[in-house]
Protein backbone atom coordinates (compact mmCIF):
# COMPACT_ATOMS: atom_id res chain seq x y z
CA MET A 1 -47.35 -23.72 22.26
CA LYS A 2 -48.51 -22.51 18.87
CA LYS A 3 -46.62 -23.56 15.77
CA GLU A 4 -46.74 -19.96 14.52
CA MET A 5 -44.29 -19.06 17.28
CA PHE A 6 -41.77 -21.62 16.02
CA ILE A 7 -42.30 -20.58 12.41
CA ASN A 8 -41.52 -16.99 13.42
CA ARG A 9 -38.39 -18.03 15.31
CA ARG A 10 -37.09 -19.99 12.33
CA GLU A 11 -37.78 -17.05 10.01
CA LYS A 12 -35.72 -14.78 12.25
CA ALA A 13 -32.87 -17.28 12.30
CA LEU A 14 -32.94 -17.77 8.53
CA ASN A 15 -32.91 -14.00 7.99
CA ALA A 16 -29.86 -13.76 10.26
CA LEU A 17 -27.97 -16.24 8.06
CA GLU A 18 -25.92 -15.11 5.11
CA GLN A 19 -26.41 -16.72 1.72
CA GLY A 20 -24.90 -20.21 1.76
CA GLU A 21 -25.07 -20.55 5.55
CA ALA A 22 -26.98 -23.30 7.33
CA LEU A 23 -27.99 -24.03 10.89
CA LEU A 24 -27.66 -27.70 11.85
CA ILE A 25 -29.27 -28.54 15.19
CA PHE A 26 -29.54 -31.99 16.74
CA ALA A 27 -32.14 -33.24 19.20
CA ASN A 28 -30.77 -35.04 22.23
CA PRO A 29 -30.55 -38.85 22.22
CA LEU A 30 -32.58 -40.95 24.61
CA PRO A 31 -30.70 -41.23 27.91
CA GLY A 32 -29.81 -44.58 29.33
CA GLY A 33 -30.88 -46.02 32.66
CA ILE A 34 -33.42 -44.28 34.88
CA TYR A 35 -33.03 -40.76 33.51
CA HIS A 36 -35.88 -38.85 31.87
CA PHE A 37 -35.45 -37.45 28.38
CA ILE A 38 -34.66 -33.72 28.28
CA GLN A 39 -34.56 -32.04 24.89
CA ASP A 40 -31.67 -30.06 23.44
CA LYS A 41 -32.54 -26.45 24.16
CA ASN A 42 -31.85 -25.06 20.68
CA PHE A 43 -33.85 -27.84 19.04
CA LEU A 44 -36.70 -27.19 21.47
CA TYR A 45 -36.54 -23.44 20.82
CA PHE A 46 -37.04 -23.82 17.06
CA THR A 47 -39.43 -26.80 16.95
CA GLY A 48 -41.11 -27.33 20.32
CA LEU A 49 -40.72 -31.07 19.71
CA GLU A 50 -39.87 -33.37 22.61
CA ILE A 51 -38.54 -36.20 20.44
CA PRO A 52 -35.09 -37.80 20.55
CA ASP A 53 -32.53 -38.24 17.77
CA ALA A 54 -34.06 -35.77 15.31
CA ILE A 55 -32.25 -33.19 13.18
CA LEU A 56 -33.22 -29.66 12.14
CA LEU A 57 -31.51 -28.13 9.10
CA MET A 58 -32.17 -24.50 8.12
CA VAL A 59 -30.54 -23.15 4.96
CA ASN A 60 -30.37 -19.68 3.42
CA TYR A 61 -29.99 -20.28 -0.33
CA GLY A 62 -30.24 -16.58 -1.15
CA LYS A 63 -33.54 -16.07 -2.94
CA THR A 64 -35.08 -18.92 -0.98
CA LYS A 65 -34.80 -20.06 2.61
CA ALA A 66 -35.87 -23.48 3.85
CA SER A 67 -36.21 -25.62 6.97
CA TYR A 68 -35.91 -29.41 6.92
CA LEU A 69 -36.76 -31.80 9.74
CA PHE A 70 -35.45 -35.37 10.00
CA ILE A 71 -37.21 -37.73 12.41
CA GLU A 72 -36.97 -41.40 13.37
CA ARG A 73 -38.84 -43.88 11.23
CA ASN A 74 -41.35 -46.21 12.90
CA ILE A 75 -40.26 -49.84 12.97
CA PRO A 76 -43.42 -51.96 13.32
CA GLU A 77 -41.72 -54.69 15.36
CA ARG A 78 -40.50 -52.14 17.93
CA ILE A 79 -43.80 -50.34 18.49
CA VAL A 80 -44.96 -52.83 21.13
CA TRP A 81 -41.72 -52.21 23.07
CA GLU A 82 -41.12 -48.50 22.54
CA GLY A 83 -44.45 -47.08 21.44
CA GLU A 84 -45.16 -45.27 18.19
CA LYS A 85 -42.81 -42.56 17.09
CA LEU A 86 -43.95 -39.21 15.77
CA HIS A 87 -45.44 -39.41 12.27
CA LYS A 88 -44.58 -36.87 9.57
CA GLU A 89 -48.08 -35.41 9.63
CA GLN A 90 -47.90 -34.95 13.40
CA ALA A 91 -44.53 -33.20 13.12
CA ILE A 92 -45.83 -30.84 10.44
CA GLU A 93 -48.87 -29.97 12.54
CA ALA A 94 -46.82 -29.43 15.71
CA CYS A 95 -44.02 -27.19 14.44
CA GLY A 96 -45.04 -26.02 10.96
CA ILE A 97 -42.09 -27.49 9.05
CA THR A 98 -43.49 -28.96 5.84
CA SER A 99 -40.30 -30.61 4.58
CA VAL A 100 -40.09 -33.63 6.89
CA PHE A 101 -37.89 -36.65 6.15
CA TYR A 102 -36.61 -39.67 8.01
CA LEU A 103 -33.23 -39.89 9.72
CA ASP A 104 -32.03 -42.60 7.37
CA GLU A 105 -32.44 -40.06 4.54
CA PHE A 106 -30.24 -37.41 6.18
CA GLU A 107 -26.92 -38.29 4.56
CA ARG A 108 -28.43 -38.52 1.07
CA MET A 109 -30.30 -35.23 1.48
CA MET A 110 -27.28 -33.52 3.02
CA SER A 111 -25.20 -34.56 0.02
CA ALA A 112 -27.80 -32.98 -2.26
CA TYR A 113 -27.71 -29.68 -0.33
CA ALA A 114 -23.94 -29.56 0.19
CA GLY A 115 -23.13 -27.73 -3.04
CA SER A 116 -25.25 -24.76 -1.93
CA ILE A 117 -23.76 -24.60 1.57
CA LYS A 118 -20.49 -22.87 2.40
CA THR A 119 -20.83 -22.68 6.21
CA ILE A 120 -22.62 -24.84 8.76
CA LEU A 121 -23.40 -23.34 12.16
CA SER A 122 -23.80 -25.96 14.87
CA ASP A 123 -23.05 -26.68 18.51
CA LYS A 124 -22.30 -30.41 18.39
CA PHE A 125 -19.07 -30.50 16.40
CA GLN A 126 -16.67 -30.40 19.35
CA THR A 127 -15.82 -33.43 21.46
CA SER A 128 -13.55 -33.85 24.47
CA LEU A 129 -10.43 -35.96 24.36
CA GLY A 130 -10.97 -39.34 25.93
CA THR A 131 -14.72 -39.43 25.34
CA PRO A 132 -16.52 -41.31 22.56
CA MET A 133 -17.62 -39.20 19.59
CA ALA A 134 -21.39 -38.75 19.63
CA ARG A 135 -23.41 -39.30 16.48
CA PRO A 136 -23.91 -35.57 15.71
CA ALA A 137 -20.15 -34.98 15.88
CA MET A 138 -19.60 -38.01 13.67
CA TRP A 139 -22.02 -36.65 11.07
CA ILE A 140 -20.42 -33.22 11.08
CA ASN A 141 -16.96 -34.77 10.83
CA LYS A 142 -18.16 -36.79 7.84
CA ILE A 143 -19.58 -33.65 6.19
CA LYS A 144 -16.26 -31.84 6.66
CA THR A 145 -14.36 -34.80 5.20
CA ASN A 146 -16.59 -35.30 2.16
CA PHE A 147 -17.19 -31.60 1.50
CA PRO A 148 -14.00 -29.73 2.47
CA HIS A 149 -15.40 -26.45 1.09
CA ILE A 150 -17.87 -26.35 4.01
CA ASN A 151 -16.69 -24.50 7.12
CA VAL A 152 -18.17 -25.44 10.50
CA GLU A 153 -18.65 -22.70 13.09
CA SER A 154 -20.51 -22.07 16.33
CA LEU A 155 -24.18 -21.16 16.00
CA ASN A 156 -24.03 -18.74 18.94
CA ARG A 157 -23.92 -15.53 16.87
CA VAL A 158 -27.32 -16.39 15.39
CA ILE A 159 -28.88 -18.09 18.42
CA ALA A 160 -27.85 -15.73 21.22
CA PRO A 161 -29.60 -12.55 19.96
CA LEU A 162 -32.84 -14.52 19.59
CA ARG A 163 -32.82 -16.53 22.81
CA THR A 164 -31.64 -13.75 25.13
CA VAL A 165 -34.65 -11.55 24.31
CA LYS A 166 -37.63 -13.37 25.78
CA GLU A 167 -41.07 -13.40 24.20
CA ASP A 168 -44.16 -12.89 26.38
CA TRP A 169 -44.90 -16.62 26.31
CA GLU A 170 -41.38 -17.44 27.48
CA ILE A 171 -41.68 -15.03 30.40
CA GLU A 172 -44.99 -16.62 31.35
CA GLU A 173 -43.39 -20.09 31.42
CA MET A 174 -40.45 -18.79 33.46
CA GLN A 175 -42.87 -17.20 35.91
CA LYS A 176 -44.63 -20.56 36.32
CA ALA A 177 -41.29 -22.22 37.06
CA ILE A 178 -40.46 -19.49 39.60
CA ASP A 179 -43.88 -19.71 41.24
CA ILE A 180 -43.70 -23.48 41.78
CA THR A 181 -40.15 -23.04 43.10
CA GLU A 182 -41.57 -20.52 45.57
CA GLN A 183 -44.16 -23.06 46.74
CA GLY A 184 -41.42 -25.61 47.28
CA ILE A 185 -39.19 -23.18 49.18
CA ARG A 186 -42.09 -22.22 51.42
CA LYS A 187 -42.73 -25.91 52.04
CA ILE A 188 -39.12 -26.26 53.21
CA LEU A 189 -39.33 -23.16 55.40
CA ASP A 190 -42.49 -24.53 57.01
CA ASN A 191 -41.23 -28.07 57.63
CA ALA A 192 -37.44 -28.20 57.96
CA VAL A 193 -35.97 -29.09 61.36
CA ALA A 194 -32.44 -29.67 62.57
CA GLY A 195 -31.31 -33.27 62.16
CA MET A 196 -33.03 -33.80 58.81
CA PRO A 197 -30.74 -34.87 55.96
CA GLU A 198 -30.41 -32.21 53.29
CA PHE A 199 -32.08 -34.52 50.77
CA THR A 200 -35.22 -34.56 52.91
CA LEU A 201 -35.47 -30.81 52.41
CA GLU A 202 -34.81 -31.30 48.70
CA SER A 203 -37.63 -33.85 48.53
CA MET A 204 -40.11 -31.32 49.93
CA LEU A 205 -39.54 -29.05 46.96
CA TYR A 206 -39.47 -31.91 44.47
CA ASN A 207 -42.72 -33.37 45.79
CA GLU A 208 -44.33 -29.94 45.41
CA MET A 209 -43.11 -29.83 41.81
CA LEU A 210 -44.34 -33.34 40.95
CA SER A 211 -47.73 -32.91 42.58
CA ASN A 212 -48.29 -29.82 40.44
CA GLY A 213 -47.15 -31.40 37.17
CA TYR A 214 -43.53 -30.19 37.01
CA ARG A 215 -41.27 -33.19 36.40
CA HIS A 216 -37.90 -31.56 35.83
CA TRP A 217 -35.44 -29.46 37.76
CA GLY A 218 -33.88 -26.60 35.85
CA PHE A 219 -30.53 -27.78 37.24
CA LYS A 220 -29.23 -30.10 39.94
CA PRO A 221 -30.44 -28.58 43.23
CA ILE A 222 -28.16 -27.40 46.02
CA VAL A 223 -29.38 -27.86 49.59
CA ALA A 224 -26.46 -27.08 51.86
CA GLY A 225 -26.36 -26.72 55.63
CA GLY A 226 -23.58 -24.99 57.53
CA MET A 227 -20.12 -25.76 56.19
CA ASN A 228 -21.53 -27.34 53.03
CA ALA A 229 -22.85 -23.95 51.95
CA THR A 230 -19.28 -22.68 51.57
CA THR A 231 -18.81 -25.04 48.60
CA LEU A 232 -20.30 -23.17 45.66
CA HIS A 233 -21.40 -26.21 43.66
CA TYR A 234 -22.13 -28.54 46.55
CA GLU A 235 -24.41 -31.28 45.20
CA ASP A 236 -24.32 -34.24 47.60
CA ASN A 237 -27.32 -33.03 49.64
CA ASP A 238 -26.81 -35.93 52.05
CA THR A 239 -25.65 -34.41 55.35
CA PRO A 240 -27.90 -34.06 58.41
CA VAL A 241 -28.50 -30.36 59.06
CA LYS A 242 -26.94 -29.34 62.38
CA ASP A 243 -28.74 -27.11 64.85
CA ASN A 244 -28.15 -23.34 64.69
CA VAL A 245 -26.63 -23.35 61.19
CA LEU A 246 -27.78 -21.53 58.07
CA VAL A 247 -29.21 -23.57 55.20
CA LEU A 248 -28.53 -22.37 51.65
CA LEU A 249 -30.98 -23.36 48.92
CA ASP A 250 -30.03 -22.88 45.26
CA VAL A 251 -32.93 -24.42 43.40
CA GLY A 252 -35.18 -24.04 40.40
CA ALA A 253 -37.97 -25.95 38.72
CA ALA A 254 -38.32 -26.04 34.93
CA CYS A 255 -41.51 -25.33 32.98
CA SER A 256 -41.68 -26.08 29.23
CA GLY A 257 -37.88 -26.26 29.39
CA TYR A 258 -37.51 -22.81 31.00
CA SER A 259 -35.63 -22.68 34.29
CA ALA A 260 -36.08 -20.80 37.52
CA ASP A 261 -32.91 -20.11 39.51
CA ILE A 262 -33.48 -19.02 43.10
CA SER A 263 -31.18 -18.89 46.13
CA ARG A 264 -32.38 -18.37 49.67
CA THR A 265 -30.56 -18.79 53.00
CA PHE A 266 -32.41 -19.33 56.28
CA PRO A 267 -31.68 -20.23 59.93
CA ILE A 268 -32.63 -23.81 60.72
CA SER A 269 -33.15 -22.89 64.41
CA GLY A 270 -35.53 -20.02 63.59
CA LYS A 271 -33.26 -17.12 64.49
CA PHE A 272 -30.11 -15.66 62.97
CA THR A 273 -27.21 -15.23 65.39
CA PRO A 274 -25.94 -11.63 65.49
CA ARG A 275 -22.93 -12.62 63.36
CA GLN A 276 -25.05 -14.51 60.85
CA LEU A 277 -27.43 -11.55 60.60
CA ASP A 278 -24.62 -9.05 59.99
CA ILE A 279 -23.29 -11.14 57.11
CA TYR A 280 -26.77 -11.81 55.74
CA ASN A 281 -27.68 -8.12 55.74
CA ALA A 282 -24.46 -7.27 53.90
CA VAL A 283 -25.37 -9.70 51.13
CA LEU A 284 -28.98 -8.55 51.04
CA LYS A 285 -28.01 -4.86 50.84
CA THR A 286 -25.69 -5.63 47.94
CA GLN A 287 -28.39 -7.59 46.13
CA LYS A 288 -31.02 -4.88 46.51
CA THR A 289 -28.62 -2.21 45.28
CA VAL A 290 -27.64 -4.21 42.20
CA ILE A 291 -31.24 -5.11 41.36
CA GLU A 292 -32.14 -1.41 41.36
CA MET A 293 -29.42 -0.84 38.74
CA VAL A 294 -30.97 -3.27 36.25
CA LYS A 295 -32.36 -1.46 33.20
CA PRO A 296 -31.82 -1.36 29.42
CA GLY A 297 -28.36 -0.16 28.41
CA VAL A 298 -26.59 -1.19 31.63
CA LEU A 299 -23.54 -3.41 31.28
CA MET A 300 -23.46 -6.67 33.23
CA ALA A 301 -19.89 -5.60 34.03
CA GLU A 302 -21.28 -2.55 35.88
CA LEU A 303 -23.44 -4.82 38.04
CA ASN A 304 -20.39 -6.97 38.77
CA GLU A 305 -18.26 -3.99 39.72
CA THR A 306 -20.88 -2.60 42.09
CA ALA A 307 -21.36 -5.97 43.79
CA ALA A 308 -17.62 -6.51 44.17
CA ASN A 309 -17.07 -3.05 45.68
CA MET A 310 -19.97 -3.35 48.11
CA LEU A 311 -19.00 -6.82 49.26
CA ALA A 312 -15.37 -5.79 49.68
CA THR A 313 -16.45 -2.89 51.91
CA ALA A 314 -18.74 -5.21 53.87
CA MET A 315 -15.93 -7.71 54.42
CA LEU A 316 -13.74 -4.95 55.82
CA ASP A 317 -16.52 -4.02 58.26
CA LEU A 318 -17.01 -7.68 59.16
CA LYS A 319 -13.26 -8.02 59.89
CA LEU A 320 -12.91 -10.73 57.27
CA ILE A 321 -10.21 -8.93 55.27
CA ASP A 322 -7.75 -6.08 55.80
CA ASP A 323 -7.41 -5.12 52.15
CA PRO A 324 -10.42 -4.69 49.81
CA LYS A 325 -8.43 -6.40 47.06
CA ASP A 326 -8.76 -9.65 49.02
CA PHE A 327 -12.56 -9.84 48.68
CA ARG A 328 -12.33 -12.82 46.31
CA LYS A 329 -11.34 -14.98 49.26
CA TYR A 330 -14.99 -14.93 50.34
CA TYR A 331 -16.84 -14.06 47.11
CA MET A 332 -15.65 -16.10 44.13
CA HIS A 333 -18.32 -15.84 41.45
CA SER A 334 -19.93 -13.13 39.33
CA ILE A 335 -23.13 -11.30 40.21
CA GLY A 336 -25.29 -13.22 37.76
CA HIS A 337 -26.00 -14.64 34.33
CA HIS A 338 -28.69 -14.78 31.67
CA LEU A 339 -31.55 -17.17 32.41
CA GLY A 340 -33.90 -19.04 30.08
CA LEU A 341 -34.00 -22.46 28.48
CA ASP A 342 -30.59 -23.06 30.05
CA THR A 343 -30.00 -22.04 33.63
CA HIS A 344 -26.77 -20.42 32.51
CA ASP A 345 -28.41 -19.28 29.31
CA VAL A 346 -26.86 -17.97 26.12
CA GLY A 347 -25.78 -14.37 26.55
CA ALA A 348 -22.37 -13.10 27.52
CA ARG A 349 -21.58 -12.12 31.12
CA ASP A 350 -20.27 -8.78 29.77
CA SER A 351 -23.36 -8.09 27.66
CA VAL A 352 -25.39 -4.89 27.56
CA LEU A 353 -28.83 -5.42 29.07
CA GLU A 354 -31.82 -4.98 26.76
CA VAL A 355 -35.57 -5.24 27.09
CA GLY A 356 -36.62 -8.88 27.34
CA ASN A 357 -33.45 -10.17 29.00
CA VAL A 358 -33.88 -12.19 32.18
CA VAL A 359 -30.82 -12.22 34.44
CA THR A 360 -30.03 -13.46 37.92
CA VAL A 361 -28.67 -11.24 40.68
CA GLU A 362 -26.93 -13.45 43.25
CA PRO A 363 -24.28 -11.98 45.56
CA GLY A 364 -22.86 -14.15 48.31
CA ILE A 365 -20.32 -14.44 51.09
CA TYR A 366 -18.76 -17.81 51.95
CA ILE A 367 -16.68 -18.21 55.12
CA PRO A 368 -15.34 -21.73 55.69
CA GLU A 369 -13.69 -20.70 58.99
CA GLU A 370 -17.14 -19.92 60.41
CA ALA A 371 -19.10 -22.59 58.48
CA ILE A 372 -21.27 -19.84 57.01
CA GLY A 373 -22.31 -19.62 53.37
CA ILE A 374 -24.94 -17.08 52.28
CA ARG A 375 -26.30 -16.48 48.80
CA ILE A 376 -29.47 -14.58 47.89
CA GLU A 377 -30.63 -14.83 44.27
CA ASP A 378 -33.58 -13.47 42.32
CA ASP A 379 -34.60 -13.65 38.66
CA ILE A 380 -34.93 -10.19 37.10
CA LEU A 381 -36.69 -9.25 33.85
CA VAL A 382 -35.36 -6.20 32.03
CA THR A 383 -38.29 -3.97 31.01
CA LYS A 384 -38.48 -0.74 29.02
CA ASP A 385 -38.97 1.17 32.28
CA GLY A 386 -36.26 -0.67 34.21
CA HIS A 387 -36.86 -4.12 35.62
CA ARG A 388 -39.32 -6.50 37.26
CA ASN A 389 -38.33 -8.98 39.94
CA LEU A 390 -40.05 -12.20 38.88
CA SER A 391 -39.26 -13.87 42.22
CA ILE A 392 -40.16 -10.96 44.48
CA ASN A 393 -42.73 -13.00 46.43
CA ILE A 394 -40.18 -15.50 47.73
CA PRO A 395 -39.26 -14.50 51.32
CA LYS A 396 -35.77 -13.06 51.85
CA GLU A 397 -36.11 -10.32 54.47
CA PRO A 398 -34.48 -11.66 57.65
CA GLN A 399 -37.42 -10.68 59.85
CA GLU A 400 -39.84 -12.51 57.55
CA LEU A 401 -37.64 -15.60 57.42
CA GLU A 402 -37.37 -15.65 61.20
CA ALA A 403 -41.12 -15.23 61.61
CA ILE A 404 -41.85 -18.10 59.22
CA ARG A 405 -39.28 -20.36 60.84
CA THR A 406 -40.31 -19.53 64.41
CA ALA A 407 -43.95 -20.31 63.58
CA ALA A 408 -42.91 -23.53 61.85
CA LEU A 409 -40.90 -24.78 64.83
CA LYS A 410 -43.85 -24.20 67.17
CA LYS A 411 -46.05 -26.65 65.30
């Protein structure tokens, strides 16, 4: 990543601020236990730095605009245990912010800037009842107490317009995440057999990711066989896959923080039953129709309405419901969401699509009475001419899935 990209992003954010407004963005803390560090997405977007417990402050003073970075100070006695922390010169070279200070200087510096700030935009000022207040929330609470003239608001109105429109580099990173997810899905299709625990299938994809240098999932993966696939956010992934059931995969690797989000459903035995195939084709037809609608100027709400109407009609044909108004019994979620640094990225579900958006299209039908859950999901880039399916190479046609599975089971 080039620092010029981050400089440009910060300039856009500063220009979106009114005089006296500031963006205050906190890096994530180091996690405890066995978990790997994953950076706060907004901090990563504006700095590219994978360091914990740092702070980014951007202020529009009116005639001048400035960015300040606060990082951890090296403690010589801790270097042998924790390694060296990022030096100021390294931070400046990496992200292009020239005003770099240490974290222990934040309160003093914030006090000096407070008179010029009337509004702070942040995303770490809310805490849930019954949970300890994190350090960012404590700092913001202290600012509000000591400087009551400062209002604190959500940063979404500044962040969302920037992050929802993807730059070429971002699309390239998302494509890498999608491509490695494809490799992992194909590995599952080629090696899964009935009787395997769901987590064995999960491990096939994860091993493919790790062996190619991708350490992180974009989100917690769903590998659900049979009845488990009717639970939308099933996460246990610990049940042996029964023979003749469908397996639903909702998975995505992350590359440079950018997430893929792919769903595929396949027959563990190699062939769809006639009933499974009828339901699968209804979902697939809906997905293809909605994908073809994706273009600049289209409302996400229009995509949702089309999907709902088509699935309701399909459920009537499948004898699942008698009244189209009852379709929510078997289809509970929306057709998709924005995708990017967060799997459910910034960007409203009722937004108007514009060039550079990446959205998912993921219809499904979930029938607990028949232990059938089917979801098919692709990641779609909005282009000036319409759209491009970034995950088009991942098998989803039933004949192709059956051919791959039949060949795999003959090995």
